[in-house]
Amino acid sequence: ADGRLTAIGHDSWSGNLAGGRTEPTTLPTAL
């Protein structure tokens, strides 16, 4: 209730050519 985070969930979807990479949107969420 005081705003302190206890759980962080981040699911992200992106598309690419076969063999390509994801867009690394979770990088900032991690730190």
All heavy atoms as atom14 arrays in JSON, in Angstrom:
{
  "sequence": "ADGRLTAIGHDSWSGNLAGGRTEPTTLPTAL",
  "atom14_mask": [
    [1, 1, 1, 1, 1, 0, 0, 0, 0, 0, 0, 0, 0, 0],
    [1, 1, 1, 1, 1, 1, 1, 1, 0, 0, 0, 0, 0, 0],
    [1, 1, 1, 1, 0, 0, 0, 0, 0, 0, 0, 0, 0, 0],
    [1, 1, 1, 1, 1, 1, 1, 1, 1, 1, 1, 0, 0, 0],
    [1, 1, 1, 1, 1, 1, 1, 1, 0, 0, 0, 0, 0, 0],
    [1, 1, 1, 1, 1, 1, 1, 0, 0, 0, 0, 0, 0, 0],
    [1, 1, 1, 1, 1, 0, 0, 0, 0, 0, 0, 0, 0, 0],
    [1, 1, 1, 1, 1, 1, 1, 1, 0, 0, 0, 0, 0, 0],
    [1, 1, 1, 1, 0, 0, 0, 0, 0, 0, 0, 0, 0, 0],
    [1, 1, 1, 1, 1, 1, 1, 1, 1, 1, 0, 0, 0, 0],
    [1, 1, 1, 1, 1, 1, 1, 1, 0, 0, 0, 0, 0, 0],
    [1, 1, 1, 1, 1, 1, 0, 0, 0, 0, 0, 0, 0, 0],
    [1, 1, 1, 1, 1, 1, 1, 1, 1, 1, 1, 1, 1, 1],
    [1, 1, 1, 1, 1, 1, 0, 0, 0, 0, 0, 0, 0, 0],
    [1, 1, 1, 1, 0, 0, 0, 0, 0, 0, 0, 0, 0, 0],
    [1, 1, 1, 1, 1, 1, 1, 1, 0, 0, 0, 0, 0, 0],
    [1, 1, 1, 1, 1, 1, 1, 1, 0, 0, 0, 0, 0, 0],
    [1, 1, 1, 1, 1, 0, 0, 0, 0, 0, 0, 0, 0, 0],
    [1, 1, 1, 1, 0, 0, 0, 0, 0, 0, 0, 0, 0, 0],
    [1, 1, 1, 1, 0, 0, 0, 0, 0, 0, 0, 0, 0, 0],
    [1, 1, 1, 1, 1, 1, 1, 1, 1, 1, 1, 0, 0, 0],
    [1, 1, 1, 1, 1, 1, 1, 0, 0, 0, 0, 0, 0, 0],
    [1, 1, 1, 1, 1, 1, 1, 1, 1, 0, 0, 0, 0, 0],
    [1, 1, 1, 1, 1, 1, 1, 0, 0, 0, 0, 0, 0, 0],
    [1, 1, 1, 1, 1, 1, 1, 0, 0, 0, 0, 0, 0, 0],
    [1, 1, 1, 1, 1, 1, 1, 0, 0, 0, 0, 0, 0, 0],
    [1, 1, 1, 1, 1, 1, 1, 1, 0, 0, 0, 0, 0, 0],
    [1, 1, 1, 1, 1, 1, 1, 0, 0, 0, 0, 0, 0, 0],
    [1, 1, 1, 1, 1, 1, 1, 0, 0, 0, 0, 0, 0, 0],
    [1, 1, 1, 1, 1, 0, 0, 0, 0, 0, 0, 0, 0, 0],
    [1, 1, 1, 1, 1, 1, 1, 1, 0, 0, 0, 0, 0, 0]
  ],
  "atom14_positions": [
    [[0.81, -1.21, 0.0], [0.0, 0.0, 0.0], [0.85, 1.26, 0.0], [0.4, 2.33, -0.44], [-0.93, -0.01, 1.21], [0.0, 0.0, 0.0], [0.0, 0.0, 0.0], [0.0, 0.0, 0.0], [0.0, 0.0, 0.0], [0.0, 0.0, 0.0], [0.0, 0.0, 0.0], [0.0, 0.0, 0.0], [0.0, 0.0, 0.0], [0.0, 0.0, 0.0]],
    [[2.11, 1.15, 0.47], [2.99, 2.33, 0.48], [3.76, 2.49, -0.83], [4.62, 3.36, -0.95], [3.97, 2.26, 1.65], [4.92, 1.07, 1.56], [4.82, 0.27, 0.59], [5.77, 0.92, 2.47], [0.0, 0.0, 0.0], [0.0, 0.0, 0.0], [0.0, 0.0, 0.0], [0.0, 0.0, 0.0], [0.0, 0.0, 0.0], [0.0, 0.0, 0.0]],
    [[3.47, 1.63, -1.82], [4.08, 1.75, -3.13], [5.34, 0.93, -3.34], [5.88, 0.91, -4.45], [0.0, 0.0, 0.0], [0.0, 0.0, 0.0], [0.0, 0.0, 0.0], [0.0, 0.0, 0.0], [0.0, 0.0, 0.0], [0.0, 0.0, 0.0], [0.0, 0.0, 0.0], [0.0, 0.0, 0.0], [0.0, 0.0, 0.0], [0.0, 0.0, 0.0]],
    [[5.79, 0.23, -2.33], [7.01, -0.56, -2.49], [6.71, -1.81, -3.31], [5.83, -2.6, -2.97], [7.61, -0.92, -1.13], [8.03, 0.31, -0.34], [8.72, -0.05, 0.98], [8.94, 1.15, 1.78], [9.98, 1.97, 1.63], [10.89, 1.72, 0.71], [10.09, 3.05, 2.38], [0.0, 0.0, 0.0], [0.0, 0.0, 0.0], [0.0, 0.0, 0.0]],
    [[7.48, -1.98, -4.37], [7.25, -3.08, -5.3], [7.64, -4.41, -4.67], [8.72, -4.55, -4.07], [8.07, -2.87, -6.58], [7.59, -1.75, -7.51], [8.68, -1.39, -8.52], [6.32, -2.18, -8.23], [0.0, 0.0, 0.0], [0.0, 0.0, 0.0], [0.0, 0.0, 0.0], [0.0, 0.0, 0.0], [0.0, 0.0, 0.0], [0.0, 0.0, 0.0]],
    [[6.78, -5.39, -4.83], [7.08, -6.76, -4.38], [7.09, -7.74, -5.54], [7.65, -8.83, -5.41], [6.04, -7.22, -3.36], [4.73, -7.12, -3.94], [6.1, -6.36, -2.1], [0.0, 0.0, 0.0], [0.0, 0.0, 0.0], [0.0, 0.0, 0.0], [0.0, 0.0, 0.0], [0.0, 0.0, 0.0], [0.0, 0.0, 0.0], [0.0, 0.0, 0.0]],
    [[6.48, -7.37, -6.67], [6.43, -8.27, -7.82], [6.49, -7.45, -9.1], [5.75, -6.47, -9.26], [5.14, -9.1, -7.78], [0.0, 0.0, 0.0], [0.0, 0.0, 0.0], [0.0, 0.0, 0.0], [0.0, 0.0, 0.0], [0.0, 0.0, 0.0], [0.0, 0.0, 0.0], [0.0, 0.0, 0.0], [0.0, 0.0, 0.0], [0.0, 0.0, 0.0]],
    [[7.37, -7.85, -10.02], [7.51, -7.19, -11.32], [7.44, -8.26, -12.4], [8.27, -9.17, -12.45], [8.84, -6.42, -11.43], [8.91, -5.32, -10.36], [8.99, -5.82, -12.82], [10.25, -4.59, -10.33], [0.0, 0.0, 0.0], [0.0, 0.0, 0.0], [0.0, 0.0, 0.0], [0.0, 0.0, 0.0], [0.0, 0.0, 0.0], [0.0, 0.0, 0.0]],
    [[6.45, -8.12, -13.26], [6.31, -9.02, -14.4], [6.34, -8.23, -15.7], [5.68, -7.2, -15.83], [0.0, 0.0, 0.0], [0.0, 0.0, 0.0], [0.0, 0.0, 0.0], [0.0, 0.0, 0.0], [0.0, 0.0, 0.0], [0.0, 0.0, 0.0], [0.0, 0.0, 0.0], [0.0, 0.0, 0.0], [0.0, 0.0, 0.0], [0.0, 0.0, 0.0]],
    [[7.13, -8.68, -16.64], [7.24, -7.99, -17.93], [7.32, -9.04, -19.02], [8.32, -9.74, -19.16], [8.49, -7.1, -17.94], [8.57, -6.17, -19.12], [9.47, -5.14, -19.19], [7.84, -6.1, -20.27], [9.31, -4.49, -20.32], [8.33, -5.06, -21.01], [0.0, 0.0, 0.0], [0.0, 0.0, 0.0], [0.0, 0.0, 0.0], [0.0, 0.0, 0.0]],
    [[6.24, -9.18, -19.78], [6.21, -10.07, -20.94], [6.17, -9.22, -22.19], [5.36, -8.29, -22.3], [4.98, -10.98, -20.9], [5.04, -11.99, -19.76], [6.15, -12.48, -19.46], [3.98, -12.28, -19.18], [0.0, 0.0, 0.0], [0.0, 0.0, 0.0], [0.0, 0.0, 0.0], [0.0, 0.0, 0.0], [0.0, 0.0, 0.0], [0.0, 0.0, 0.0]],
    [[7.04, -9.53, -23.15], [7.16, -8.7, -24.34], [7.2, -9.57, -25.58], [7.86, -10.61, -25.6], [8.43, -7.84, -24.25], [8.58, -7.03, -25.39], [0.0, 0.0, 0.0], [0.0, 0.0, 0.0], [0.0, 0.0, 0.0], [0.0, 0.0, 0.0], [0.0, 0.0, 0.0], [0.0, 0.0, 0.0], [0.0, 0.0, 0.0], [0.0, 0.0, 0.0]],
    [[6.5, -9.11, -26.63], [6.48, -9.81, -27.91], [6.98, -8.88, -29.0], [6.58, -7.71, -29.09], [5.05, -10.24, -28.26], [4.5, -11.33, -27.39], [4.46, -12.66, -27.68], [3.89, -11.19, -26.09], [3.88, -13.36, -26.64], [3.52, -12.48, -25.66], [3.63, -10.09, -25.26], [2.89, -12.7, -24.43], [3.02, -10.3, -24.04], [2.66, -11.6, -23.64]],
    [[7.88, -9.38, -29.83], [8.31, -8.66, -31.03], [8.52, -9.68, -32.14], [8.54, -10.89, -31.89], [9.61, -7.87, -30.77], [10.66, -8.72, -30.37], [0.0, 0.0, 0.0], [0.0, 0.0, 0.0], [0.0, 0.0, 0.0], [0.0, 0.0, 0.0], [0.0, 0.0, 0.0], [0.0, 0.0, 0.0], [0.0, 0.0, 0.0], [0.0, 0.0, 0.0]],
    [[8.66, -9.19, -33.36], [8.81, -10.09, -34.5], [10.07, -9.82, -35.27], [10.64, -8.72, -35.2], [0.0, 0.0, 0.0], [0.0, 0.0, 0.0], [0.0, 0.0, 0.0], [0.0, 0.0, 0.0], [0.0, 0.0, 0.0], [0.0, 0.0, 0.0], [0.0, 0.0, 0.0], [0.0, 0.0, 0.0], [0.0, 0.0, 0.0], [0.0, 0.0, 0.0]],
    [[10.51, -10.81, -36.03], [11.73, -10.64, -36.81], [11.81, -11.71, -37.88], [11.04, -12.68, -37.87], [12.97, -10.71, -35.91], [14.08, -9.79, -36.37], [14.16, -9.44, -37.55], [14.93, -9.37, -35.46], [0.0, 0.0, 0.0], [0.0, 0.0, 0.0], [0.0, 0.0, 0.0], [0.0, 0.0, 0.0], [0.0, 0.0, 0.0], [0.0, 0.0, 0.0]],
    [[12.77, -11.54, -38.78], [13.08, -12.59, -39.73], [13.56, -13.83, -38.97], [14.04, -13.74, -37.83], [14.18, -12.13, -40.69], [13.86, -10.99, -41.64], [15.13, -10.53, -42.35], [12.81, -11.41, -42.66], [0.0, 0.0, 0.0], [0.0, 0.0, 0.0], [0.0, 0.0, 0.0], [0.0, 0.0, 0.0], [0.0, 0.0, 0.0], [0.0, 0.0, 0.0]],
    [[13.46, -14.98, -39.61], [13.95, -16.22, -38.99], [15.43, -16.05, -38.64], [16.24, -15.6, -39.46], [13.76, -17.39, -39.95], [0.0, 0.0, 0.0], [0.0, 0.0, 0.0], [0.0, 0.0, 0.0], [0.0, 0.0, 0.0], [0.0, 0.0, 0.0], [0.0, 0.0, 0.0], [0.0, 0.0, 0.0], [0.0, 0.0, 0.0], [0.0, 0.0, 0.0]],
    [[15.78, -16.39, -37.41], [17.15, -16.25, -36.95], [17.47, -14.9, -36.34], [18.56, -14.71, -35.8], [0.0, 0.0, 0.0], [0.0, 0.0, 0.0], [0.0, 0.0, 0.0], [0.0, 0.0, 0.0], [0.0, 0.0, 0.0], [0.0, 0.0, 0.0], [0.0, 0.0, 0.0], [0.0, 0.0, 0.0], [0.0, 0.0, 0.0], [0.0, 0.0, 0.0]],
    [[16.53, -13.95, -36.4], [16.75, -12.63, -35.83], [16.57, -12.62, -34.32], [16.24, -13.63, -33.7], [0.0, 0.0, 0.0], [0.0, 0.0, 0.0], [0.0, 0.0, 0.0], [0.0, 0.0, 0.0], [0.0, 0.0, 0.0], [0.0, 0.0, 0.0], [0.0, 0.0, 0.0], [0.0, 0.0, 0.0], [0.0, 0.0, 0.0], [0.0, 0.0, 0.0]],
    [[16.75, -11.44, -33.73], [16.71, -11.29, -32.28], [15.42, -10.62, -31.83], [14.73, -9.99, -32.6], [17.9, -10.44, -31.8], [19.26, -11.03, -32.14], [20.38, -10.13, -31.65], [21.68, -10.69, -31.98], [22.32, -10.47, -33.13], [21.79, -9.68, -34.03], [23.48, -11.03, -33.36], [0.0, 0.0, 0.0], [0.0, 0.0, 0.0], [0.0, 0.0, 0.0]],
    [[15.15, -10.74, -30.54], [14.04, -10.02, -29.94], [14.43, -8.56, -29.73], [15.62, -8.22, -29.67], [13.67, -10.61, -28.56], [14.8, -10.49, -27.68], [13.26, -12.07, -28.67], [0.0, 0.0, 0.0], [0.0, 0.0, 0.0], [0.0, 0.0, 0.0], [0.0, 0.0, 0.0], [0.0, 0.0, 0.0], [0.0, 0.0, 0.0], [0.0, 0.0, 0.0]],
    [[13.44, -7.7, -29.6], [13.69, -6.35, -29.11], [13.84, -6.46, -27.59], [12.91, -6.89, -26.89], [12.53, -5.42, -29.47], [12.65, -4.02, -28.9], [13.83, -3.22, -29.46], [14.18, -3.44, -30.64], [14.37, -2.38, -28.72], [0.0, 0.0, 0.0], [0.0, 0.0, 0.0], [0.0, 0.0, 0.0], [0.0, 0.0, 0.0], [0.0, 0.0, 0.0]],
    [[15.02, -6.11, -27.02], [15.31, -6.42, -25.61], [14.66, -5.47, -24.61], [15.32, -4.81, -23.81], [16.83, -6.36, -25.55], [17.21, -5.37, -26.6], [16.2, -5.55, -27.71], [0.0, 0.0, 0.0], [0.0, 0.0, 0.0], [0.0, 0.0, 0.0], [0.0, 0.0, 0.0], [0.0, 0.0, 0.0], [0.0, 0.0, 0.0], [0.0, 0.0, 0.0]],
    [[13.34, -5.4, -24.65], [12.59, -4.44, -23.85], [12.72, -4.66, -22.35], [12.43, -3.74, -21.56], [11.1, -4.52, -24.22], [10.71, -5.9, -24.19], [10.84, -3.97, -25.61], [0.0, 0.0, 0.0], [0.0, 0.0, 0.0], [0.0, 0.0, 0.0], [0.0, 0.0, 0.0], [0.0, 0.0, 0.0], [0.0, 0.0, 0.0], [0.0, 0.0, 0.0]],
    [[13.1, -5.85, -21.92], [13.18, -6.13, -20.48], [14.48, -5.65, -19.85], [14.64, -5.76, -18.62], [13.01, -7.63, -20.22], [14.0, -8.35, -20.98], [11.63, -8.11, -20.65], [0.0, 0.0, 0.0], [0.0, 0.0, 0.0], [0.0, 0.0, 0.0], [0.0, 0.0, 0.0], [0.0, 0.0, 0.0], [0.0, 0.0, 0.0], [0.0, 0.0, 0.0]],
    [[15.41, -5.13, -20.64], [16.68, -4.66, -20.08], [16.48, -3.64, -18.95], [17.07, -3.8, -17.87], [17.55, -4.05, -21.19], [18.37, -5.0, -22.05], [19.05, -4.22, -23.17], [19.41, -5.74, -21.21], [0.0, 0.0, 0.0], [0.0, 0.0, 0.0], [0.0, 0.0, 0.0], [0.0, 0.0, 0.0], [0.0, 0.0, 0.0], [0.0, 0.0, 0.0]],
    [[15.7, -2.59, -19.14], [15.57, -1.62, -18.04], [14.79, -2.18, -16.86], [15.05, -1.8, -15.7], [14.83, -0.44, -18.69], [14.07, -1.04, -19.82], [14.94, -2.14, -20.33], [0.0, 0.0, 0.0], [0.0, 0.0, 0.0], [0.0, 0.0, 0.0], [0.0, 0.0, 0.0], [0.0, 0.0, 0.0], [0.0, 0.0, 0.0], [0.0, 0.0, 0.0]],
    [[13.84, -3.06, -17.12], [13.04, -3.63, -16.04], [13.9, -4.42, -15.08], [13.61, -4.51, -13.89], [11.95, -4.55, -16.64], [11.43, -3.95, -17.82], [10.83, -4.79, -15.65], [0.0, 0.0, 0.0], [0.0, 0.0, 0.0], [0.0, 0.0, 0.0], [0.0, 0.0, 0.0], [0.0, 0.0, 0.0], [0.0, 0.0, 0.0], [0.0, 0.0, 0.0]],
    [[14.97, -5.0, -15.6], [15.83, -5.85, -14.77], [16.6, -5.07, -13.72], [16.94, -5.62, -12.67], [16.8, -6.62, -15.67], [0.0, 0.0, 0.0], [0.0, 0.0, 0.0], [0.0, 0.0, 0.0], [0.0, 0.0, 0.0], [0.0, 0.0, 0.0], [0.0, 0.0, 0.0], [0.0, 0.0, 0.0], [0.0, 0.0, 0.0], [0.0, 0.0, 0.0]],
    [[16.85, -3.77, -13.95], [17.8, -3.05, -13.11], [17.3, -1.74, -12.52], [17.95, -1.18, -11.65], [19.08, -2.75, -13.91], [19.94, -3.95, -14.31], [21.0, -3.52, -15.3], [20.58, -4.58, -13.09], [0.0, 0.0, 0.0], [0.0, 0.0, 0.0], [0.0, 0.0, 0.0], [0.0, 0.0, 0.0], [0.0, 0.0, 0.0], [0.0, 0.0, 0.0]]
  ]
}
